[in-house]
Amino acid sequence: MRKTLLAALILVLAACGTAESEPATSGGANLNVNLGPGQNRVTAAKDDKIASKVPEKFRTKGELVIGGDAGTAPPLRFYATDDRTVIGVETDIATLIADVLGLKPRLEISSWENLFVGLDSGAYDLGLSNITVTEARKEKYDFATYRLDTLAFEAKKGGSWKVAKPEDVAGKVIAVSSGTNQEKILVDWSTKNVAAGLPATDIKYFQKSSDYYLALQSGRIDAYLGPNPTSAYHAATSGQTEVIGNFSGGATVQGKIAATTKKDSGLVGPVQEALNQLIANGKYAEVLKRWGLSDEAVPTSEINPQGLPKT
């Protein structure tokens, strides 16, 4: 998995040289991101009032154990150029939450499946790993939202085609990851188009993010449908692609990404308050801007809002 991520990073680093004495960066016309292990993250001050609401079992440890999957593409939660340090928007927000709560952040690396096992067992106090609120998950976990769950159609830069409705993908060749929610949305759209007498969408599948981008540049596909953070980041840093349409990851319901705790652990309230303070003081916006995700900002953090429906 790390080799896959490094391959994707090579694509965005190809256009910029890196001196050994300087942190590696990915840079485009709209975004310049430090990819080195020395992150110089945005920090926040402890809020004694909010920190006092953290349950004693967490306060006595003096640290906040935050689990997350590092096997995602930039800018979510991924490895720096040393192939060891975990960086990304998720780690930045996690450390800001810990700052406000007066706890030392301990960033733990987990697979997606084991992240929830760790929350269940108490090995992790908090999960920040692009986790979408769903009605099924709300039965076992509490959520404090901090980003919109948005999908994006990414296409080669300079075209006139935009995607605003299902009819816009009729007859197009579009890549998507197998087994994802975005695949389901694309398949549903294509089925509806065919029923209406329009051409089907030719859906393609690739194994690695770098394969999608090579296919875009060669013209083998018209667009790639995936998570907005990765597409927005790639478009901004590569200068070769652009986002031509955004949609909620929940299709008819606006999906939301949230910090996740074990149900009734007592931690979600202070976490929500910390997030709302960070939203109010601008630290939150600073982090999202750093990673090119300002358009996914939420005006306020919510506890356990409506999630994606059970299927």
Protein backbone atom coordinates (compact mmCIF):
# COMPACT_ATOMS: atom_id res chain seq x y z
CA MET A 1 0.00 0.00 0.00
CA ARG A 2 2.84 2.42 0.77
CA LYS A 3 4.32 1.84 -2.69
CA THR A 4 0.96 2.77 -4.18
CA LEU A 5 0.88 6.01 -2.25
CA LEU A 6 4.45 6.85 -3.14
CA ALA A 7 3.64 6.29 -6.80
CA ALA A 8 0.83 8.80 -6.50
CA LEU A 9 3.14 11.25 -4.77
CA ILE A 10 5.73 10.90 -7.52
CA LEU A 11 3.13 12.18 -9.98
CA VAL A 12 2.55 15.38 -8.04
CA LEU A 13 6.23 15.84 -7.23
CA ALA A 14 7.44 15.35 -10.77
CA ALA A 15 7.13 19.01 -11.67
CA CYS A 16 9.16 20.38 -8.76
CA GLY A 17 12.73 19.85 -7.64
CA THR A 18 13.55 19.21 -3.98
CA ALA A 19 16.77 20.16 -2.25
CA GLU A 20 17.99 17.78 0.42
CA SER A 21 18.04 20.56 3.00
CA GLU A 22 14.41 21.53 2.32
CA PRO A 23 11.13 19.67 2.92
CA ALA A 24 9.65 18.05 -0.15
CA THR A 25 6.61 19.87 -1.46
CA SER A 26 3.93 19.37 -4.03
CA GLY A 27 3.05 22.56 -5.77
CA GLY A 28 0.69 23.80 -8.43
CA ALA A 29 -0.85 27.07 -9.44
CA ASN A 30 -3.24 27.04 -6.47
CA LEU A 31 -1.58 24.99 -3.75
CA ASN A 32 1.85 24.37 -2.29
CA VAL A 33 2.01 21.60 0.31
CA ASN A 34 4.85 20.40 2.51
CA LEU A 35 5.11 16.61 2.15
CA GLY A 36 8.10 16.19 4.45
CA PRO A 37 8.03 14.72 7.98
CA GLY A 38 8.60 18.14 9.56
CA GLN A 39 5.09 19.48 9.23
CA ASN A 40 5.11 22.66 11.36
CA ARG A 41 1.42 22.05 11.97
CA VAL A 42 -1.13 24.69 12.94
CA THR A 43 -1.50 24.66 16.74
CA ALA A 44 -4.11 25.84 19.23
CA ALA A 45 -4.16 26.78 22.91
CA LYS A 46 -5.75 24.64 25.60
CA ASP A 47 -9.22 25.73 26.68
CA ASP A 48 -9.54 24.96 30.38
CA LYS A 49 -13.35 25.05 30.35
CA ILE A 50 -13.65 22.56 27.50
CA ALA A 51 -10.77 20.43 28.82
CA SER A 52 -12.51 20.09 32.19
CA LYS A 53 -15.40 18.30 30.48
CA VAL A 54 -13.18 15.49 29.20
CA PRO A 55 -13.97 12.32 31.21
CA GLU A 56 -11.38 11.61 33.88
CA LYS A 57 -10.25 8.32 32.34
CA PHE A 58 -8.96 10.28 29.34
CA ARG A 59 -7.56 13.21 31.34
CA THR A 60 -5.52 10.99 33.63
CA LYS A 61 -3.70 9.46 30.66
CA GLY A 62 -2.62 12.92 29.55
CA GLU A 63 -2.91 11.91 25.91
CA LEU A 64 -5.52 11.41 23.25
CA VAL A 65 -5.05 8.20 21.26
CA ILE A 66 -6.27 8.86 17.72
CA GLY A 67 -6.58 6.01 15.25
CA GLY A 68 -6.69 6.31 11.50
CA ASP A 69 -5.97 4.51 8.24
CA ALA A 70 -2.82 5.79 6.55
CA GLY A 71 -3.57 3.87 3.38
CA THR A 72 -5.46 6.72 1.73
CA ALA A 73 -4.33 9.13 -0.95
CA PRO A 74 -3.26 12.72 -0.25
CA PRO A 75 -4.43 14.93 1.35
CA LEU A 76 -6.39 12.82 3.86
CA ARG A 77 -4.07 10.67 5.97
CA PHE A 78 -0.93 9.44 4.25
CA TYR A 79 2.81 8.96 4.67
CA ALA A 80 5.31 11.77 4.33
CA THR A 81 8.39 11.47 2.13
CA ASP A 82 10.19 9.51 4.86
CA ASP A 83 7.58 6.75 4.36
CA ARG A 84 7.09 6.69 8.12
CA THR A 85 5.50 9.91 9.41
CA VAL A 86 1.73 10.17 8.98
CA ILE A 87 0.56 13.54 7.69
CA GLY A 88 -2.54 15.06 6.10
CA VAL A 89 -5.64 17.06 6.87
CA GLU A 90 -6.94 14.36 9.25
CA THR A 91 -3.79 14.43 11.38
CA ASP A 92 -3.80 18.24 11.48
CA ILE A 93 -7.39 18.37 12.73
CA ALA A 94 -6.73 15.56 15.20
CA THR A 95 -3.79 17.42 16.77
CA LEU A 96 -5.80 20.65 16.96
CA ILE A 97 -8.57 18.85 18.87
CA ALA A 98 -6.01 17.42 21.28
CA ASP A 99 -4.49 20.90 21.76
CA VAL A 100 -7.81 22.41 22.82
CA LEU A 101 -8.48 19.49 25.18
CA GLY A 102 -5.04 19.89 26.75
CA LEU A 103 -3.97 16.37 25.77
CA LYS A 104 -0.94 15.13 23.89
CA PRO A 105 -2.01 13.60 20.55
CA ARG A 106 -0.85 10.06 19.89
CA LEU A 107 -1.46 9.25 16.24
CA GLU A 108 -1.90 5.52 15.73
CA ILE A 109 -1.89 3.80 12.35
CA SER A 110 -4.56 1.24 11.61
CA SER A 111 -6.23 -0.48 8.70
CA TRP A 112 -9.77 0.69 8.02
CA GLU A 113 -11.32 -2.46 9.52
CA ASN A 114 -9.11 -2.44 12.62
CA LEU A 115 -9.86 1.22 13.26
CA PHE A 116 -13.36 0.31 14.40
CA VAL A 117 -12.08 -2.73 16.29
CA GLY A 118 -9.73 -0.36 18.14
CA LEU A 119 -12.56 2.03 18.98
CA ASP A 120 -14.67 -0.89 20.24
CA SER A 121 -11.88 -2.20 22.48
CA GLY A 122 -10.83 1.19 23.80
CA ALA A 123 -7.41 1.00 22.16
CA TYR A 124 -8.30 4.24 20.37
CA ASP A 125 -10.06 7.14 22.06
CA LEU A 126 -10.92 8.84 18.81
CA GLY A 127 -11.04 7.95 15.13
CA LEU A 128 -10.26 10.52 12.43
CA SER A 129 -9.99 8.84 9.06
CA ASN A 130 -12.52 10.35 6.63
CA ILE A 131 -15.32 8.52 8.48
CA THR A 132 -18.80 9.25 7.16
CA VAL A 133 -21.74 9.43 9.56
CA THR A 134 -24.22 6.65 8.78
CA GLU A 135 -27.36 5.55 10.56
CA ALA A 136 -25.89 2.07 11.00
CA ARG A 137 -22.68 3.40 12.58
CA LYS A 138 -24.63 5.65 14.96
CA GLU A 139 -25.81 2.51 16.73
CA LYS A 140 -22.26 1.86 17.98
CA TYR A 141 -20.47 5.21 17.78
CA ASP A 142 -20.88 8.91 18.52
CA PHE A 143 -19.90 11.51 15.94
CA ALA A 144 -18.76 15.15 15.91
CA THR A 145 -18.77 16.44 12.35
CA TYR A 146 -15.96 18.50 10.81
CA ARG A 147 -16.15 18.18 7.00
CA LEU A 148 -18.66 17.60 4.23
CA ASP A 149 -18.54 14.21 2.53
CA THR A 150 -18.26 15.24 -1.10
CA LEU A 151 -17.51 13.34 -4.29
CA ALA A 152 -15.91 14.84 -7.38
CA PHE A 153 -15.71 14.18 -11.09
CA GLU A 154 -12.12 14.91 -12.14
CA ALA A 155 -11.28 15.41 -15.82
CA LYS A 156 -8.38 16.57 -17.94
CA LYS A 157 -7.92 20.31 -17.64
CA GLY A 158 -9.24 22.65 -20.31
CA GLY A 159 -12.43 20.93 -21.44
CA SER A 160 -15.94 22.38 -21.56
CA TRP A 161 -17.78 19.32 -20.21
CA LYS A 162 -19.32 19.68 -16.73
CA VAL A 163 -21.31 17.21 -14.64
CA ALA A 164 -24.39 18.65 -12.95
CA LYS A 165 -26.92 15.84 -13.38
CA PRO A 166 -27.08 12.13 -14.30
CA GLU A 167 -27.70 12.87 -17.98
CA ASP A 168 -24.26 14.50 -18.20
CA VAL A 169 -22.48 11.14 -17.82
CA ALA A 170 -24.46 9.37 -20.55
CA GLY A 171 -22.11 7.84 -23.11
CA LYS A 172 -18.99 8.93 -21.18
CA VAL A 173 -16.10 6.69 -20.12
CA ILE A 174 -15.68 7.13 -16.36
CA ALA A 175 -13.39 5.35 -13.91
CA VAL A 176 -14.38 4.57 -10.34
CA SER A 177 -13.14 2.37 -7.51
CA SER A 178 -14.92 -0.96 -7.17
CA GLY A 179 -17.14 -1.52 -4.15
CA THR A 180 -17.44 2.15 -3.25
CA ASN A 181 -20.47 4.35 -2.71
CA GLN A 182 -19.46 6.40 -5.73
CA GLU A 183 -19.57 3.26 -7.88
CA LYS A 184 -23.15 2.64 -6.73
CA ILE A 185 -24.14 6.22 -7.59
CA LEU A 186 -22.55 5.99 -11.05
CA VAL A 187 -24.18 2.63 -11.80
CA ASP A 188 -27.57 3.98 -10.68
CA TRP A 189 -27.18 7.04 -12.90
CA SER A 190 -26.23 4.93 -15.91
CA THR A 191 -29.19 2.61 -15.35
CA LYS A 192 -31.60 5.56 -15.21
CA ASN A 193 -30.09 7.04 -18.35
CA VAL A 194 -30.50 3.79 -20.27
CA ALA A 195 -34.12 3.54 -19.13
CA ALA A 196 -34.65 7.05 -20.51
CA GLY A 197 -33.19 6.06 -23.89
CA LEU A 198 -29.73 7.60 -23.34
CA PRO A 199 -26.38 5.80 -23.85
CA ALA A 200 -24.94 3.86 -20.90
CA THR A 201 -21.86 5.09 -19.08
CA ASP A 202 -18.78 2.98 -19.82
CA ILE A 203 -17.45 2.32 -16.31
CA LYS A 204 -13.76 1.45 -15.95
CA TYR A 205 -11.80 0.15 -12.96
CA PHE A 206 -8.13 0.55 -12.07
CA GLN A 207 -6.02 -0.67 -9.16
CA LYS A 208 -4.07 2.48 -8.25
CA SER A 209 -4.70 6.21 -8.16
CA SER A 210 -1.71 6.74 -10.47
CA ASP A 211 -3.43 4.54 -13.07
CA TYR A 212 -6.51 6.77 -13.06
CA TYR A 213 -4.41 9.85 -13.72
CA LEU A 214 -2.42 8.23 -16.51
CA ALA A 215 -5.69 7.13 -18.13
CA LEU A 216 -7.01 10.69 -17.90
CA GLN A 217 -3.94 12.18 -19.54
CA SER A 218 -3.93 9.60 -22.34
CA GLY A 219 -7.63 10.09 -23.05
CA ARG A 220 -8.60 6.50 -22.24
CA ILE A 221 -11.21 7.80 -19.81
CA ASP A 222 -13.22 11.02 -19.77
CA ALA A 223 -13.29 11.41 -15.98
CA TYR A 224 -12.64 9.79 -12.63
CA LEU A 225 -15.29 9.79 -9.87
CA GLY A 226 -13.85 9.64 -6.38
CA PRO A 227 -13.58 11.48 -3.03
CA ASN A 228 -13.42 15.23 -3.50
CA PRO A 229 -10.38 15.75 -1.21
CA THR A 230 -8.10 13.59 -3.36
CA SER A 231 -9.38 15.06 -6.63
CA ALA A 232 -9.22 18.67 -5.41
CA TYR A 233 -5.71 18.12 -4.08
CA HIS A 234 -4.48 16.41 -7.25
CA ALA A 235 -5.99 19.08 -9.50
CA ALA A 236 -4.43 21.88 -7.47
CA THR A 237 -0.97 20.33 -7.21
CA SER A 238 -0.60 18.76 -10.66
CA GLY A 239 -2.09 21.53 -12.78
CA GLN A 240 -3.16 18.85 -15.29
CA THR A 241 -6.74 18.12 -14.22
CA GLU A 242 -9.78 19.93 -12.87
CA VAL A 243 -12.91 19.11 -10.89
CA ILE A 244 -15.91 19.34 -13.23
CA GLY A 245 -18.70 18.44 -10.79
CA ASN A 246 -19.31 17.86 -7.08
CA PHE A 247 -21.96 15.75 -5.38
CA SER A 248 -22.73 14.58 -1.88
CA GLY A 249 -21.29 11.21 -0.96
CA GLY A 250 -24.79 10.36 0.24
CA ALA A 251 -26.44 11.09 -3.12
CA THR A 252 -29.80 12.44 -1.87
CA VAL A 253 -28.50 13.05 1.69
CA GLN A 254 -25.59 15.39 2.40
CA GLY A 255 -22.92 13.13 3.86
CA LYS A 256 -20.74 14.44 6.67
CA ILE A 257 -17.29 13.40 7.89
CA ALA A 258 -16.87 13.17 11.65
CA ALA A 259 -14.55 12.52 14.55
CA THR A 260 -15.69 9.18 15.92
CA THR A 261 -15.83 7.87 19.49
CA LYS A 262 -17.19 4.76 21.12
CA LYS A 263 -20.87 5.15 21.96
CA ASP A 264 -21.49 6.91 25.29
CA SER A 265 -17.79 7.28 26.10
CA GLY A 266 -18.44 10.88 27.16
CA LEU A 267 -15.79 12.23 24.79
CA VAL A 268 -17.90 13.39 21.86
CA GLY A 269 -19.22 16.50 23.67
CA PRO A 270 -15.80 18.02 24.44
CA VAL A 271 -14.57 17.08 20.96
CA GLN A 272 -17.52 18.91 19.38
CA GLU A 273 -16.89 21.96 21.55
CA ALA A 274 -13.22 21.91 20.60
CA LEU A 275 -14.11 21.75 16.91
CA ASN A 276 -16.55 24.65 17.23
CA GLN A 277 -13.91 26.75 18.95
CA LEU A 278 -11.45 25.94 16.16
CA ILE A 279 -14.07 26.92 13.60
CA ALA A 280 -14.70 30.20 15.44
CA ASN A 281 -11.03 31.18 15.87
CA GLY A 282 -10.01 30.39 12.29
CA LYS A 283 -7.61 27.52 13.03
CA TYR A 284 -9.95 25.06 11.33
CA ALA A 285 -10.17 27.18 8.18
CA GLU A 286 -6.38 27.54 8.17
CA VAL A 287 -5.92 23.77 8.09
CA LEU A 288 -8.49 23.21 5.35
CA LYS A 289 -6.92 25.96 3.24
CA ARG A 290 -3.49 24.38 3.73
CA TRP A 291 -4.71 21.16 2.12
CA GLY A 292 -6.96 22.76 -0.51
CA LEU A 293 -10.23 21.67 1.11
CA SER A 294 -11.88 24.98 2.02
CA ASP A 295 -14.97 24.03 0.02
CA GLU A 296 -15.62 21.11 2.42
CA ALA A 297 -15.87 23.32 5.50
CA VAL A 298 -18.86 23.06 7.82
CA PRO A 299 -20.21 26.16 9.64
CA THR A 300 -20.53 24.25 12.89
CA SER A 301 -19.76 20.83 14.31
CA GLU A 302 -22.82 18.68 15.01
CA ILE A 303 -23.21 15.66 17.25
CA ASN A 304 -24.81 12.64 15.60
CA PRO A 305 -26.64 14.39 12.74
CA GLN A 306 -28.68 12.52 10.16
CA GLY A 307 -26.41 9.95 8.58
CA LEU A 308 -26.45 8.07 5.32
CA PRO A 309 -29.39 5.65 5.38
CA LYS A 310 -29.07 1.95 6.00
CA THR A 311 -28.88 -0.17 2.89
